[in-house]
């Protein structure tokens, strides 16, 4: 089996609600990559705008309010792995390479599934 066949097999999705096999098209991949790219680029920009920056959380921002609430709820500290901690990490450093790949793959699969479901009815 050559690599093109393997990729084709990996790109096929089984839609359980229609009992059919539908493959992701090149167009689905392009749309998924564009949407995923927009999330990858826009996510940190939006987080910076609400106060999650590379220099830390901006005073008086939405992020500062979230941090304050999280700290009060958690007895004075922001828990590692909490929503505020993760958003600050992304705002400061951007997405990790694996996360970027997962975003693109997820948006591609989601778009393909929704498109196939929409046109099947």
N, C-alpha and C. Protein backbone atom coordinates (compact mmCIF):
# COMPACT_ATOMS: atom_id res chain seq x y z
N UNK A 1 0.86 -1.17 0.00
CA UNK A 1 0.00 0.00 0.00
C UNK A 1 0.90 1.23 0.00
N UNK A 2 0.66 2.15 -0.95
CA UNK A 2 1.49 3.35 -1.01
C UNK A 2 0.97 4.42 -0.05
N UNK A 3 1.78 5.47 0.08
CA UNK A 3 1.44 6.50 1.06
C UNK A 3 0.17 7.27 0.69
N UNK A 4 -0.12 7.43 -0.61
CA UNK A 4 -1.34 8.13 -1.00
C UNK A 4 -2.59 7.35 -0.58
N UNK A 5 -2.55 6.03 -0.72
CA UNK A 5 -3.67 5.21 -0.28
C UNK A 5 -3.84 5.30 1.23
N UNK A 6 -2.73 5.30 1.95
CA UNK A 6 -2.81 5.38 3.41
C UNK A 6 -3.40 6.71 3.84
N UNK A 7 -2.99 7.80 3.20
CA UNK A 7 -3.54 9.11 3.53
C UNK A 7 -5.02 9.14 3.21
N UNK A 8 -5.42 8.59 2.06
CA UNK A 8 -6.83 8.54 1.69
C UNK A 8 -7.66 7.78 2.69
N UNK A 9 -7.14 6.68 3.17
CA UNK A 9 -7.85 5.88 4.17
C UNK A 9 -7.97 6.66 5.49
N UNK A 10 -6.89 7.34 5.87
CA UNK A 10 -6.92 8.10 7.11
C UNK A 10 -7.87 9.28 7.04
N UNK A 11 -8.08 9.84 5.84
CA UNK A 11 -8.95 11.00 5.71
C UNK A 11 -10.44 10.65 5.62
N UNK A 12 -10.75 9.37 5.50
CA UNK A 12 -12.16 8.96 5.40
C UNK A 12 -12.80 8.93 6.78
N UNK A 13 -14.01 9.45 6.86
CA UNK A 13 -14.76 9.45 8.10
C UNK A 13 -15.99 8.57 7.95
N UNK A 14 -16.33 7.85 8.99
CA UNK A 14 -17.55 7.08 8.99
C UNK A 14 -18.60 7.91 9.72
N UNK A 15 -19.65 8.29 9.00
CA UNK A 15 -20.74 9.05 9.61
C UNK A 15 -21.79 8.06 10.09
N UNK A 16 -21.82 7.82 11.39
CA UNK A 16 -22.67 6.78 11.94
C UNK A 16 -24.15 7.05 11.76
N UNK A 17 -24.53 8.34 11.69
CA UNK A 17 -25.95 8.64 11.58
C UNK A 17 -26.53 8.32 10.21
N UNK A 18 -25.68 8.17 9.19
CA UNK A 18 -26.21 7.86 7.85
C UNK A 18 -25.74 6.50 7.35
N UNK A 19 -24.91 5.82 8.14
CA UNK A 19 -24.36 4.52 7.74
C UNK A 19 -23.65 4.58 6.39
N UNK A 20 -23.00 5.68 6.10
CA UNK A 20 -22.24 5.81 4.87
C UNK A 20 -20.81 6.21 5.19
N UNK A 21 -19.94 5.99 4.24
CA UNK A 21 -18.56 6.41 4.39
C UNK A 21 -18.37 7.64 3.52
N UNK A 22 -17.87 8.69 4.11
CA UNK A 22 -17.64 9.94 3.40
C UNK A 22 -16.19 10.33 3.58
N UNK A 23 -15.55 10.72 2.51
CA UNK A 23 -14.14 11.10 2.59
C UNK A 23 -14.02 12.61 2.64
N UNK A 24 -12.99 13.07 3.33
CA UNK A 24 -12.70 14.48 3.37
C UNK A 24 -12.07 14.86 2.04
N UNK A 25 -12.59 15.89 1.41
CA UNK A 25 -12.08 16.34 0.12
C UNK A 25 -10.95 17.34 0.32
N UNK A 26 -10.27 17.64 -0.76
CA UNK A 26 -9.21 18.65 -0.71
C UNK A 26 -9.79 20.00 -0.29
N UNK A 27 -10.98 20.32 -0.76
CA UNK A 27 -11.64 21.57 -0.37
C UNK A 27 -11.90 21.65 1.12
N UNK A 28 -12.29 20.52 1.71
CA UNK A 28 -12.50 20.47 3.16
C UNK A 28 -11.20 20.77 3.91
N UNK A 29 -10.10 20.22 3.41
CA UNK A 29 -8.80 20.45 4.03
C UNK A 29 -8.41 21.92 3.93
N UNK A 30 -8.67 22.53 2.76
CA UNK A 30 -8.33 23.94 2.57
C UNK A 30 -9.15 24.81 3.53
N UNK A 31 -10.46 24.57 3.60
CA UNK A 31 -11.31 25.36 4.50
C UNK A 31 -10.89 25.14 5.95
N UNK A 32 -10.65 23.90 6.33
CA UNK A 32 -10.22 23.60 7.69
C UNK A 32 -8.90 24.27 8.04
N UNK A 33 -7.97 24.27 7.09
CA UNK A 33 -6.68 24.92 7.33
C UNK A 33 -6.83 26.43 7.45
N UNK A 34 -7.69 27.02 6.64
CA UNK A 34 -7.92 28.47 6.73
C UNK A 34 -8.57 28.86 8.06
N UNK A 35 -9.61 28.12 8.44
CA UNK A 35 -10.29 28.41 9.70
C UNK A 35 -9.35 28.14 10.88
N UNK A 36 -8.65 27.01 10.82
CA UNK A 36 -7.69 26.69 11.88
C UNK A 36 -6.59 27.74 11.97
N UNK A 37 -6.10 28.19 10.82
CA UNK A 37 -5.08 29.25 10.80
C UNK A 37 -5.59 30.54 11.41
N UNK A 38 -6.84 30.86 11.13
CA UNK A 38 -7.43 32.08 11.71
C UNK A 38 -7.52 31.96 13.23
N UNK A 39 -7.86 30.79 13.72
CA UNK A 39 -7.92 30.57 15.17
C UNK A 39 -6.52 30.66 15.78
N UNK A 40 -5.54 30.08 15.10
CA UNK A 40 -4.16 30.08 15.61
C UNK A 40 -3.60 31.50 15.67
N UNK A 41 -3.87 32.29 14.64
CA UNK A 41 -3.37 33.67 14.62
C UNK A 41 -4.24 34.58 15.48
N UNK A 42 -5.56 34.44 15.35
CA UNK A 42 -6.48 35.34 16.05
C UNK A 42 -6.62 35.07 17.53
N UNK A 43 -6.45 33.82 17.94
CA UNK A 43 -6.60 33.47 19.36
C UNK A 43 -5.72 34.30 20.28
N UNK A 44 -4.40 34.27 20.07
CA UNK A 44 -3.53 35.08 20.92
C UNK A 44 -3.79 36.58 20.80
N UNK A 45 -4.20 37.05 19.63
CA UNK A 45 -4.52 38.47 19.47
C UNK A 45 -5.72 38.86 20.34
N UNK A 46 -6.74 38.03 20.31
CA UNK A 46 -7.94 38.28 21.12
C UNK A 46 -7.58 38.21 22.60
N UNK A 47 -6.79 37.21 22.97
CA UNK A 47 -6.39 37.08 24.37
C UNK A 47 -5.59 38.30 24.83
N UNK A 48 -4.72 38.81 23.98
CA UNK A 48 -3.98 40.02 24.32
C UNK A 48 -4.89 41.21 24.50
N UNK A 49 -5.93 41.29 23.66
CA UNK A 49 -6.87 42.41 23.75
C UNK A 49 -7.67 42.39 25.05
N UNK A 50 -7.92 41.21 25.60
CA UNK A 50 -8.67 41.14 26.86
C UNK A 50 -7.77 41.11 28.08
N UNK A 51 -6.43 41.18 27.86
CA UNK A 51 -5.53 41.34 28.99
C UNK A 51 -4.54 40.23 29.27
N UNK A 52 -4.57 39.13 28.50
CA UNK A 52 -3.60 38.05 28.68
C UNK A 52 -2.42 38.33 27.75
N UNK A 53 -1.34 38.95 28.27
CA UNK A 53 -0.23 39.38 27.43
C UNK A 53 1.07 38.68 27.82
N UNK A 54 2.07 38.89 26.99
CA UNK A 54 3.39 38.33 27.27
C UNK A 54 4.02 38.92 28.52
N UNK A 55 3.63 40.13 28.88
CA UNK A 55 4.16 40.79 30.07
C UNK A 55 3.36 40.45 31.33
N UNK A 56 2.35 39.63 31.18
CA UNK A 56 1.49 39.28 32.32
C UNK A 56 0.08 39.79 32.10
N UNK A 57 -0.74 39.65 33.11
CA UNK A 57 -2.14 40.07 33.01
C UNK A 57 -2.21 41.58 33.21
N UNK A 58 -2.89 42.26 32.29
CA UNK A 58 -3.01 43.71 32.32
C UNK A 58 -3.97 44.15 33.43
N UNK A 59 -3.54 45.12 34.23
CA UNK A 59 -4.36 45.62 35.33
C UNK A 59 -5.65 46.24 34.80
N UNK A 60 -6.77 45.96 35.47
CA UNK A 60 -8.06 46.53 35.11
C UNK A 60 -8.73 45.90 33.90
N UNK A 61 -8.17 44.82 33.37
CA UNK A 61 -8.71 44.17 32.17
C UNK A 61 -9.69 43.04 32.55
N UNK A 62 -10.31 42.49 31.53
CA UNK A 62 -11.18 41.32 31.72
C UNK A 62 -10.36 40.19 32.34
N UNK A 63 -9.14 40.02 31.85
CA UNK A 63 -8.26 38.97 32.38
C UNK A 63 -7.98 39.17 33.87
N UNK A 64 -7.80 40.42 34.28
CA UNK A 64 -7.56 40.70 35.70
C UNK A 64 -8.78 40.33 36.54
N UNK A 65 -9.95 40.60 36.03
CA UNK A 65 -11.17 40.21 36.74
C UNK A 65 -11.30 38.70 36.86
N UNK A 66 -10.96 38.00 35.77
CA UNK A 66 -11.01 36.53 35.80
C UNK A 66 -10.00 35.98 36.80
N UNK A 67 -8.80 36.59 36.80
CA UNK A 67 -7.76 36.13 37.72
C UNK A 67 -8.18 36.37 39.17
N UNK A 68 -8.77 37.51 39.43
CA UNK A 68 -9.23 37.83 40.78
C UNK A 68 -10.28 36.84 41.25
N UNK A 69 -11.24 36.56 40.39
CA UNK A 69 -12.30 35.59 40.74
C UNK A 69 -11.71 34.21 40.99
N UNK A 70 -10.79 33.79 40.11
CA UNK A 70 -10.17 32.47 40.28
C UNK A 70 -9.38 32.40 41.57
N UNK A 71 -8.67 33.48 41.91
CA UNK A 71 -7.87 33.48 43.13
C UNK A 71 -8.75 33.44 44.38
N UNK A 72 -9.82 34.21 44.38
CA UNK A 72 -10.74 34.21 45.54
C UNK A 72 -11.36 32.83 45.71
N UNK A 73 -11.77 32.24 44.60
CA UNK A 73 -12.40 30.91 44.64
C UNK A 73 -11.44 29.84 45.13
N UNK A 74 -10.16 30.01 44.80
CA UNK A 74 -9.17 28.99 45.11
C UNK A 74 -8.34 29.31 46.36
N UNK A 75 -8.82 30.19 47.19
CA UNK A 75 -8.13 30.49 48.43
C UNK A 75 -6.91 31.38 48.29
N UNK A 76 -6.87 32.22 47.26
CA UNK A 76 -5.79 33.19 47.12
C UNK A 76 -4.79 32.91 46.02
N UNK A 77 -4.89 31.78 45.38
CA UNK A 77 -3.95 31.45 44.30
C UNK A 77 -4.72 31.00 43.06
N UNK A 78 -4.09 31.16 41.92
CA UNK A 78 -4.67 30.65 40.68
C UNK A 78 -4.09 29.26 40.46
N UNK A 79 -4.96 28.28 40.35
CA UNK A 79 -4.52 26.89 40.22
C UNK A 79 -3.86 26.64 38.87
N UNK A 80 -2.77 25.88 38.89
CA UNK A 80 -2.11 25.47 37.65
C UNK A 80 -3.08 24.64 36.83
N UNK A 81 -3.13 24.90 35.54
CA UNK A 81 -4.03 24.16 34.66
C UNK A 81 -5.43 24.70 34.61
N UNK A 82 -5.72 25.74 35.39
CA UNK A 82 -7.06 26.34 35.37
C UNK A 82 -7.24 27.14 34.08
N UNK A 83 -8.46 27.54 33.82
CA UNK A 83 -8.75 28.30 32.61
C UNK A 83 -7.90 29.56 32.54
N UNK A 84 -7.80 30.29 33.64
CA UNK A 84 -7.01 31.52 33.66
C UNK A 84 -5.54 31.22 33.37
N UNK A 85 -5.00 30.17 33.96
CA UNK A 85 -3.60 29.81 33.75
C UNK A 85 -3.34 29.43 32.30
N UNK A 86 -4.23 28.65 31.71
CA UNK A 86 -4.06 28.23 30.32
C UNK A 86 -4.17 29.43 29.38
N UNK A 87 -5.17 30.29 29.60
CA UNK A 87 -5.32 31.48 28.75
C UNK A 87 -4.11 32.39 28.86
N UNK A 88 -3.55 32.55 30.07
CA UNK A 88 -2.36 33.38 30.22
C UNK A 88 -1.17 32.77 29.49
N UNK A 89 -1.05 31.46 29.54
CA UNK A 89 0.03 30.78 28.84
C UNK A 89 -0.07 31.01 27.34
N UNK A 90 -1.26 30.85 26.79
CA UNK A 90 -1.46 31.06 25.34
C UNK A 90 -1.25 32.53 24.99
N UNK A 91 -1.74 33.43 25.83
CA UNK A 91 -1.56 34.86 25.58
C UNK A 91 -0.09 35.26 25.61
N UNK A 92 0.70 34.63 26.45
CA UNK A 92 2.11 34.96 26.59
C UNK A 92 2.98 34.30 25.51
N UNK A 93 2.71 33.04 25.22
CA UNK A 93 3.61 32.28 24.35
C UNK A 93 2.97 31.78 23.06
N UNK A 94 1.67 31.95 22.90
CA UNK A 94 0.99 31.39 21.72
C UNK A 94 0.70 29.92 21.93
N UNK A 95 0.23 29.29 20.88
CA UNK A 95 -0.11 27.86 20.95
C UNK A 95 1.14 27.02 20.71
N UNK A 96 1.22 25.87 21.35
CA UNK A 96 2.28 24.91 21.09
C UNK A 96 2.07 24.29 19.71
N UNK A 97 3.12 23.75 19.13
CA UNK A 97 3.04 23.17 17.78
C UNK A 97 2.00 22.06 17.71
N UNK A 98 1.95 21.21 18.71
CA UNK A 98 0.97 20.13 18.73
C UNK A 98 -0.46 20.66 18.80
N UNK A 99 -0.64 21.73 19.54
CA UNK A 99 -1.97 22.34 19.64
C UNK A 99 -2.38 22.95 18.31
N UNK A 100 -1.43 23.57 17.61
CA UNK A 100 -1.72 24.13 16.28
C UNK A 100 -2.18 23.03 15.33
N UNK A 101 -1.48 21.91 15.34
CA UNK A 101 -1.85 20.79 14.47
C UNK A 101 -3.23 20.25 14.84
N UNK A 102 -3.51 20.16 16.12
CA UNK A 102 -4.82 19.67 16.56
C UNK A 102 -5.94 20.63 16.16
N UNK A 103 -5.68 21.93 16.23
CA UNK A 103 -6.69 22.91 15.83
C UNK A 103 -7.01 22.77 14.35
N UNK A 104 -5.98 22.67 13.51
CA UNK A 104 -6.20 22.54 12.07
C UNK A 104 -6.91 21.22 11.76
N UNK A 105 -6.48 20.13 12.37
CA UNK A 105 -7.12 18.84 12.13
C UNK A 105 -8.57 18.84 12.61
N UNK A 106 -8.79 19.42 13.77
CA UNK A 106 -10.15 19.48 14.32
C UNK A 106 -11.08 20.32 13.49
N UNK A 107 -10.61 21.48 13.03
CA UNK A 107 -11.49 22.32 12.21
C UNK A 107 -11.75 21.69 10.85
N UNK A 108 -10.77 20.98 10.32
CA UNK A 108 -10.97 20.28 9.04
C UNK A 108 -12.03 19.19 9.20
N UNK A 109 -11.88 18.36 10.21
CA UNK A 109 -12.85 17.29 10.44
C UNK A 109 -14.23 17.80 10.76
N UNK A 110 -14.30 18.84 11.56
CA UNK A 110 -15.59 19.43 11.92
C UNK A 110 -16.28 20.00 10.69
N UNK A 111 -15.55 20.77 9.89
CA UNK A 111 -16.13 21.35 8.67
C UNK A 111 -16.62 20.25 7.73
N UNK A 112 -15.80 19.24 7.51
CA UNK A 112 -16.18 18.16 6.59
C UNK A 112 -17.42 17.43 7.08
N UNK A 113 -17.49 17.16 8.36
CA UNK A 113 -18.64 16.45 8.93
C UNK A 113 -19.91 17.28 8.82
N UNK A 114 -19.81 18.55 9.19
CA UNK A 114 -20.98 19.43 9.13
C UNK A 114 -21.45 19.60 7.69
N UNK A 115 -20.48 19.80 6.78
CA UNK A 115 -20.84 19.98 5.36
C UNK A 115 -21.54 18.73 4.83
N UNK A 116 -20.99 17.56 5.10
CA UNK A 116 -21.58 16.31 4.60
C UNK A 116 -22.96 16.08 5.23
N UNK A 117 -23.10 16.39 6.50
CA UNK A 117 -24.39 16.22 7.20
C UNK A 117 -25.42 17.18 6.62
N UNK A 118 -25.02 18.43 6.40
CA UNK A 118 -25.93 19.45 5.88
C UNK A 118 -26.44 19.06 4.49
N UNK A 119 -25.55 18.61 3.62
CA UNK A 119 -25.94 18.29 2.25
C UNK A 119 -26.59 16.92 2.12
N UNK A 120 -26.60 16.13 3.20
CA UNK A 120 -27.22 14.80 3.10
C UNK A 120 -28.72 14.87 3.34
N UNK A 121 -29.22 16.05 3.77
CA UNK A 121 -30.66 16.20 4.02
C UNK A 121 -31.29 17.18 3.09
